[in-house]
């Protein structure tokens, strides 16, 4: 569904998206509960990751890849946000890849290249000054 949006600019219905997400959660729980491995304290809400702002004076770089079809065509996306959550920079690009991992690594490489252009960044993994 996400790939249709990324590659084909298809409209994503938020209600349908939520319905599909809830169905996936139910399916996940059914598999986990029916598995021979007993899992105590299964709390699906605790396992959902949420974006959190970086510490004050730092930035956070988020990278992702969306792969279409056989995997040769992909889009990489990078966003850089400050400690307030404000977008500092972002970029989306098309790439040819031979694996999903290669796409993720290309996105990370793109992000690292974008960091050096941030005012106050001194090239180290430290606070911006």
C-alpha atoms as a PDB file:
ATOM      1  CA  UNK A   1       0.000   0.000   0.000  1.00  0.00           C
ATOM      2  CA  UNK A   2       2.780   2.418   0.920  1.00  0.00           C
ATOM      3  CA  UNK A   3       4.645   1.535  -2.252  1.00  0.00           C
ATOM      4  CA  UNK A   4       1.607   2.371  -4.385  1.00  0.00           C
ATOM      5  CA  UNK A   5       1.638   5.818  -2.788  1.00  0.00           C
ATOM      6  CA  UNK A   6       5.404   6.256  -3.219  1.00  0.00           C
ATOM      7  CA  UNK A   7       5.650   5.000  -6.794  1.00  0.00           C
ATOM      8  CA  UNK A   8       2.222   5.647  -8.286  1.00  0.00           C
ATOM      9  CA  UNK A   9       0.999   8.634  -6.204  1.00  0.00           C
ATOM     10  CA  UNK A  10      -2.049   6.539  -5.310  1.00  0.00           C
ATOM     11  CA  UNK A  11      -4.482   7.989  -2.774  1.00  0.00           C
ATOM     12  CA  UNK A  12      -4.217   6.371   0.663  1.00  0.00           C
ATOM     13  CA  UNK A  13      -7.497   6.197   2.519  1.00  0.00           C
ATOM     14  CA  UNK A  14      -6.621   6.739   6.229  1.00  0.00           C
ATOM     15  CA  UNK A  15      -9.555   4.618   7.445  1.00  0.00           C
ATOM     16  CA  UNK A  16      -8.615   1.715   5.189  1.00  0.00           C
ATOM     17  CA  UNK A  17      -4.977   2.063   6.254  1.00  0.00           C
ATOM     18  CA  UNK A  18      -5.955   1.843   9.936  1.00  0.00           C
ATOM     19  CA  UNK A  19      -8.234  -1.131   9.229  1.00  0.00           C
ATOM     20  CA  UNK A  20      -5.384  -2.990   7.508  1.00  0.00           C
ATOM     21  CA  UNK A  21      -2.993  -2.135  10.358  1.00  0.00           C
ATOM     22  CA  UNK A  22      -5.449  -3.483  12.955  1.00  0.00           C
ATOM     23  CA  UNK A  23      -5.927  -6.652  10.902  1.00  0.00           C
ATOM     24  CA  UNK A  24      -2.154  -7.119  10.810  1.00  0.00           C
ATOM     25  CA  UNK A  25      -1.961  -6.672  14.596  1.00  0.00           C
ATOM     26  CA  UNK A  26      -4.744  -9.243  15.120  1.00  0.00           C
ATOM     27  CA  UNK A  27      -2.970 -11.688  12.812  1.00  0.00           C
ATOM     28  CA  UNK A  28       0.310 -11.136  14.660  1.00  0.00           C
ATOM     29  CA  UNK A  29      -1.339 -11.780  18.036  1.00  0.00           C
ATOM     30  CA  UNK A  30      -3.046 -14.924  16.701  1.00  0.00           C
ATOM     31  CA  UNK A  31       0.297 -16.305  15.514  1.00  0.00           C
ATOM     32  CA  UNK A  32       2.103 -15.439  18.744  1.00  0.00           C
ATOM     33  CA  UNK A  33      -0.629 -16.805  21.017  1.00  0.00           C
ATOM     34  CA  UNK A  34      -0.964 -20.044  19.034  1.00  0.00           C
ATOM     35  CA  UNK A  35       2.782 -20.618  18.904  1.00  0.00           C
ATOM     36  CA  UNK A  36       4.306 -23.313  21.113  1.00  0.00           C
ATOM     37  CA  UNK A  37       6.473 -20.636  22.733  1.00  0.00           C
ATOM     38  CA  UNK A  38       4.624 -19.019  25.621  1.00  0.00           C
ATOM     39  CA  UNK A  39       5.128 -15.252  25.818  1.00  0.00           C
ATOM     40  CA  UNK A  40       4.230 -13.660  29.148  1.00  0.00           C
ATOM     41  CA  UNK A  41       3.046 -10.081  29.339  1.00  0.00           C
ATOM     42  CA  UNK A  42       2.445  -9.691  25.589  1.00  0.00           C
ATOM     43  CA  UNK A  43       1.554  -6.036  25.252  1.00  0.00           C
ATOM     44  CA  UNK A  44       1.358  -4.970  21.626  1.00  0.00           C
ATOM     45  CA  UNK A  45       1.140  -1.265  22.500  1.00  0.00           C
ATOM     46  CA  UNK A  46       4.579  -1.352  24.120  1.00  0.00           C
ATOM     47  CA  UNK A  47       6.045  -2.794  20.911  1.00  0.00           C
ATOM     48  CA  UNK A  48       4.824   0.009  18.648  1.00  0.00           C
ATOM     49  CA  UNK A  49       7.680   2.389  17.978  1.00  0.00           C
ATOM     50  CA  UNK A  50       7.116   6.110  17.995  1.00  0.00           C
ATOM     51  CA  UNK A  51       9.402   8.800  16.697  1.00  0.00           C
ATOM     52  CA  UNK A  52      10.971  10.761  19.518  1.00  0.00           C
ATOM     53  CA  UNK A  53      12.819  14.020  19.301  1.00  0.00           C
ATOM     54  CA  UNK A  54      16.584  13.947  19.827  1.00  0.00           C
ATOM     55  CA  UNK A  55      18.191  15.576  22.842  1.00  0.00           C
ATOM     56  CA  UNK A  56      18.410  19.375  22.864  1.00  0.00           C
ATOM     57  CA  UNK A  57      21.155  20.597  20.550  1.00  0.00           C
ATOM     58  CA  UNK A  58      21.163  17.396  18.497  1.00  0.00           C
ATOM     59  CA  UNK A  59      19.528  16.292  15.253  1.00  0.00           C
ATOM     60  CA  UNK A  60      17.967  12.995  14.241  1.00  0.00           C
ATOM     61  CA  UNK A  61      18.392  11.488  10.793  1.00  0.00           C
ATOM     62  CA  UNK A  62      15.682   9.069   9.624  1.00  0.00           C
ATOM     63  CA  UNK A  63      16.276   6.955   6.520  1.00  0.00           C
ATOM     64  CA  UNK A  64      13.967   4.599   4.651  1.00  0.00           C
ATOM     65  CA  UNK A  65      13.632   2.730   1.375  1.00  0.00           C
ATOM     66  CA  UNK A  66      10.557   1.654  -0.590  1.00  0.00           C
ATOM     67  CA  UNK A  67      11.109  -1.126  -3.118  1.00  0.00           C
ATOM     68  CA  UNK A  68       8.873  -1.717  -6.139  1.00  0.00           C
ATOM     69  CA  UNK A  69       8.204  -5.031  -7.796  1.00  0.00           C
ATOM     70  CA  UNK A  70      11.288  -7.154  -8.342  1.00  0.00           C
ATOM     71  CA  UNK A  71      13.415  -4.836  -6.231  1.00  0.00           C
ATOM     72  CA  UNK A  72      15.411  -3.112  -8.946  1.00  0.00           C
ATOM     73  CA  UNK A  73      13.485   0.168  -8.666  1.00  0.00           C
ATOM     74  CA  UNK A  74      13.443   1.872  -5.300  1.00  0.00           C
ATOM     75  CA  UNK A  75      12.974   5.243  -3.623  1.00  0.00           C
ATOM     76  CA  UNK A  76      15.150   6.340  -0.740  1.00  0.00           C
ATOM     77  CA  UNK A  77      14.016   9.005   1.690  1.00  0.00           C
ATOM     78  CA  UNK A  78      15.921  10.943   4.341  1.00  0.00           C
ATOM     79  CA  UNK A  79      14.653  13.462   6.869  1.00  0.00           C
ATOM     80  CA  UNK A  80      16.679  15.454   9.367  1.00  0.00           C
ATOM     81  CA  UNK A  81      14.891  17.021  12.335  1.00  0.00           C
ATOM     82  CA  UNK A  82      16.118  19.101  15.239  1.00  0.00           C
ATOM     83  CA  UNK A  83      15.380  18.647  18.943  1.00  0.00           C
ATOM     84  CA  UNK A  84      12.105  20.589  18.521  1.00  0.00           C
ATOM     85  CA  UNK A  85      10.939  18.193  15.792  1.00  0.00           C
ATOM     86  CA  UNK A  86      11.305  20.837  13.076  1.00  0.00           C
ATOM     87  CA  UNK A  87      12.351  19.595   9.650  1.00  0.00           C
ATOM     88  CA  UNK A  88      15.858  20.843   8.843  1.00  0.00           C
ATOM     89  CA  UNK A  89      16.341  18.985   5.574  1.00  0.00           C
ATOM     90  CA  UNK A  90      14.810  16.148   3.608  1.00  0.00           C
ATOM     91  CA  UNK A  91      15.306  14.385   0.340  1.00  0.00           C
ATOM     92  CA  UNK A  92      13.693  11.636  -1.752  1.00  0.00           C
ATOM     93  CA  UNK A  93      15.425  10.010  -4.687  1.00  0.00           C
ATOM     94  CA  UNK A  94      15.117   7.120  -7.121  1.00  0.00           C
ATOM     95  CA  UNK A  95      17.790   4.421  -7.124  1.00  0.00           C
ATOM     96  CA  UNK A  96      18.466   1.055  -8.740  1.00  0.00           C
ATOM     97  CA  UNK A  97      19.309  -1.629  -6.197  1.00  0.00           C
ATOM     98  CA  UNK A  98      20.000  -5.339  -6.059  1.00  0.00           C
ATOM     99  CA  UNK A  99      18.750  -5.852  -2.481  1.00  0.00           C
ATOM    100  CA  UNK A 100      16.614  -4.205   0.176  1.00  0.00           C
ATOM    101  CA  UNK A 101      19.695  -3.878   2.404  1.00  0.00           C
ATOM    102  CA  UNK A 102      21.529  -2.009  -0.355  1.00  0.00           C
ATOM    103  CA  UNK A 103      18.608   0.445  -0.524  1.00  0.00           C
ATOM    104  CA  UNK A 104      18.685   1.006   3.248  1.00  0.00           C
ATOM    105  CA  UNK A 105      22.446   1.578   3.131  1.00  0.00           C
ATOM    106  CA  UNK A 106      22.115   4.037   0.253  1.00  0.00           C
ATOM    107  CA  UNK A 107      19.556   5.986   2.298  1.00  0.00           C
ATOM    108  CA  UNK A 108      21.928   6.054   5.283  1.00  0.00           C
ATOM    109  CA  UNK A 109      24.779   7.191   3.042  1.00  0.00           C
ATOM    110  CA  UNK A 110      22.554   9.966   1.657  1.00  0.00           C
ATOM    111  CA  UNK A 111      21.707  11.052   5.215  1.00  0.00           C
ATOM    112  CA  UNK A 112      25.353  11.158   6.248  1.00  0.00           C
ATOM    113  CA  UNK A 113      26.115  13.347   3.238  1.00  0.00           C
ATOM    114  CA  UNK A 114      23.300  15.725   4.160  1.00  0.00           C
ATOM    115  CA  UNK A 115      24.460  16.136   7.787  1.00  0.00           C
ATOM    116  CA  UNK A 116      27.670  17.898   6.813  1.00  0.00           C
ATOM    117  CA  UNK A 117      25.645  20.774   5.331  1.00  0.00           C
ATOM    118  CA  UNK A 118      23.918  21.569   8.641  1.00  0.00           C
ATOM    119  CA  UNK A 119      25.131  24.880  10.121  1.00  0.00           C
ATOM    120  CA  UNK A 120      27.024  24.260  13.346  1.00  0.00           C
ATOM    121  CA  UNK A 121      27.803  20.624  12.598  1.00  0.00           C
ATOM    122  CA  UNK A 122      31.484  19.971  13.227  1.00  0.00           C
ATOM    123  CA  UNK A 123      31.762  16.457  11.756  1.00  0.00           C
ATOM    124  CA  UNK A 124      31.588  14.574  15.046  1.00  0.00           C
ATOM    125  CA  UNK A 125      28.746  12.711  16.686  1.00  0.00           C
ATOM    126  CA  UNK A 126      28.338  15.399  19.310  1.00  0.00           C
ATOM    127  CA  UNK A 127      26.155  18.339  20.143  1.00  0.00           C
ATOM    128  CA  UNK A 128      25.868  21.086  17.573  1.00  0.00           C
ATOM    129  CA  UNK A 129      27.522  24.282  18.693  1.00  0.00           C
END
